[in-house]
């Protein structure tokens, strides 16, 4: 199933509905990065974008989601556990 992915993550200094809906995507990206997966692999397997057909978009979408994933583990997680 192809995920419903925006080209740019909606940015906010607090958790968004997009974050909640795509939390698993963020975790999968972070896990794949830890395993040294290529951007192309992650774009294809996690984001559902064919990097051969859309190389610029694949990198752009990946970067946006990686940035938000990193924000989640450094800042956003506080809201999750604040209860």
C-alpha atoms as a PDB file:
ATOM      1  CA  UNK A   1       0.000   0.000   0.000  1.00  0.00           C
ATOM      2  CA  UNK A   2       1.388   3.374  -1.024  1.00  0.00           C
ATOM      3  CA  UNK A   3       1.457   5.818   1.902  1.00  0.00           C
ATOM      4  CA  UNK A   4      -0.292   9.190   1.645  1.00  0.00           C
ATOM      5  CA  UNK A   5       2.877  11.293   1.713  1.00  0.00           C
ATOM      6  CA  UNK A   6       3.104  15.048   1.256  1.00  0.00           C
ATOM      7  CA  UNK A   7       6.106  16.432  -0.607  1.00  0.00           C
ATOM      8  CA  UNK A   8       6.881  18.690   2.356  1.00  0.00           C
ATOM      9  CA  UNK A   9       6.019  17.853   5.921  1.00  0.00           C
ATOM     10  CA  UNK A  10       3.807  20.539   7.455  1.00  0.00           C
ATOM     11  CA  UNK A  11       6.138  22.215   9.922  1.00  0.00           C
ATOM     12  CA  UNK A  12       5.144  23.333  13.393  1.00  0.00           C
ATOM     13  CA  UNK A  13       6.866  23.687  16.734  1.00  0.00           C
ATOM     14  CA  UNK A  14       4.314  21.246  18.128  1.00  0.00           C
ATOM     15  CA  UNK A  15       3.011  17.866  17.022  1.00  0.00           C
ATOM     16  CA  UNK A  16       0.662  17.941  14.066  1.00  0.00           C
ATOM     17  CA  UNK A  17      -1.975  15.532  12.863  1.00  0.00           C
ATOM     18  CA  UNK A  18       0.428  14.706  10.013  1.00  0.00           C
ATOM     19  CA  UNK A  19       3.074  13.731  12.587  1.00  0.00           C
ATOM     20  CA  UNK A  20       0.639  11.458  14.380  1.00  0.00           C
ATOM     21  CA  UNK A  21      -0.477   9.841  11.122  1.00  0.00           C
ATOM     22  CA  UNK A  22       3.089   9.370   9.856  1.00  0.00           C
ATOM     23  CA  UNK A  23       4.908   8.498  13.071  1.00  0.00           C
ATOM     24  CA  UNK A  24       5.633   5.000  11.743  1.00  0.00           C
ATOM     25  CA  UNK A  25       7.129   6.507   8.566  1.00  0.00           C
ATOM     26  CA  UNK A  26       9.456   8.658  10.679  1.00  0.00           C
ATOM     27  CA  UNK A  27      10.545   5.622  12.695  1.00  0.00           C
ATOM     28  CA  UNK A  28      11.115   3.562   9.558  1.00  0.00           C
ATOM     29  CA  UNK A  29      13.271   6.343   8.069  1.00  0.00           C
ATOM     30  CA  UNK A  30      15.362   6.644  11.233  1.00  0.00           C
ATOM     31  CA  UNK A  31      15.775   2.872  11.408  1.00  0.00           C
ATOM     32  CA  UNK A  32      16.764   2.657   7.742  1.00  0.00           C
ATOM     33  CA  UNK A  33      19.266   5.494   8.188  1.00  0.00           C
ATOM     34  CA  UNK A  34      20.808   3.610  11.118  1.00  0.00           C
ATOM     35  CA  UNK A  35      21.161   0.625   8.774  1.00  0.00           C
ATOM     36  CA  UNK A  36      22.877   2.833   6.159  1.00  0.00           C
ATOM     37  CA  UNK A  37      20.100   2.433   3.596  1.00  0.00           C
ATOM     38  CA  UNK A  38      20.420   4.680   0.562  1.00  0.00           C
ATOM     39  CA  UNK A  39      18.106   7.615  -0.020  1.00  0.00           C
ATOM     40  CA  UNK A  40      16.860   5.830  -3.115  1.00  0.00           C
ATOM     41  CA  UNK A  41      15.956   2.698  -1.139  1.00  0.00           C
ATOM     42  CA  UNK A  42      14.128   4.713   1.505  1.00  0.00           C
ATOM     43  CA  UNK A  43      12.271   6.821  -1.050  1.00  0.00           C
ATOM     44  CA  UNK A  44      11.093   3.694  -2.820  1.00  0.00           C
ATOM     45  CA  UNK A  45      10.386   1.321   0.055  1.00  0.00           C
ATOM     46  CA  UNK A  46       9.201   3.748   2.743  1.00  0.00           C
ATOM     47  CA  UNK A  47       7.829   6.772   0.903  1.00  0.00           C
ATOM     48  CA  UNK A  48       6.511   4.995  -2.184  1.00  0.00           C
ATOM     49  CA  UNK A  49       8.380   7.235  -4.653  1.00  0.00           C
ATOM     50  CA  UNK A  50      10.294   5.710  -7.541  1.00  0.00           C
ATOM     51  CA  UNK A  51      13.672   7.481  -7.449  1.00  0.00           C
ATOM     52  CA  UNK A  52      14.455   6.429 -11.022  1.00  0.00           C
ATOM     53  CA  UNK A  53      11.361   8.231 -12.302  1.00  0.00           C
ATOM     54  CA  UNK A  54      11.392  11.164  -9.870  1.00  0.00           C
ATOM     55  CA  UNK A  55      14.925  11.584  -8.501  1.00  0.00           C
ATOM     56  CA  UNK A  56      14.591  15.239  -7.442  1.00  0.00           C
ATOM     57  CA  UNK A  57      11.223  14.714  -5.773  1.00  0.00           C
ATOM     58  CA  UNK A  58      12.430  11.538  -4.061  1.00  0.00           C
ATOM     59  CA  UNK A  59      15.336  13.396  -2.439  1.00  0.00           C
ATOM     60  CA  UNK A  60      13.199  16.411  -1.523  1.00  0.00           C
ATOM     61  CA  UNK A  61      10.442  14.353   0.101  1.00  0.00           C
ATOM     62  CA  UNK A  62      12.955  12.157   1.883  1.00  0.00           C
ATOM     63  CA  UNK A  63      14.828  15.189   3.257  1.00  0.00           C
ATOM     64  CA  UNK A  64      11.629  16.799   4.515  1.00  0.00           C
ATOM     65  CA  UNK A  65      10.548  13.639   6.329  1.00  0.00           C
ATOM     66  CA  UNK A  66      14.035  12.975   7.717  1.00  0.00           C
ATOM     67  CA  UNK A  67      14.202  16.517   9.096  1.00  0.00           C
ATOM     68  CA  UNK A  68      10.851  16.064  10.814  1.00  0.00           C
ATOM     69  CA  UNK A  69      11.836  12.631  12.110  1.00  0.00           C
ATOM     70  CA  UNK A  70      14.946  14.164  13.651  1.00  0.00           C
ATOM     71  CA  UNK A  71      12.824  16.928  15.191  1.00  0.00           C
ATOM     72  CA  UNK A  72      10.558  14.261  16.668  1.00  0.00           C
ATOM     73  CA  UNK A  73      13.427  12.497  18.442  1.00  0.00           C
ATOM     74  CA  UNK A  74      15.058  15.686  19.713  1.00  0.00           C
ATOM     75  CA  UNK A  75      12.034  17.845  20.580  1.00  0.00           C
ATOM     76  CA  UNK A  76       8.641  16.485  19.535  1.00  0.00           C
ATOM     77  CA  UNK A  77       8.805  13.403  21.728  1.00  0.00           C
ATOM     78  CA  UNK A  78       8.307  15.636  24.781  1.00  0.00           C
ATOM     79  CA  UNK A  79       4.705  16.280  23.716  1.00  0.00           C
ATOM     80  CA  UNK A  80       4.066  12.582  23.249  1.00  0.00           C
ATOM     81  CA  UNK A  81       5.109  11.818  26.814  1.00  0.00           C
ATOM     82  CA  UNK A  82       3.691  14.965  28.406  1.00  0.00           C
ATOM     83  CA  UNK A  83       0.361  13.180  28.478  1.00  0.00           C
END
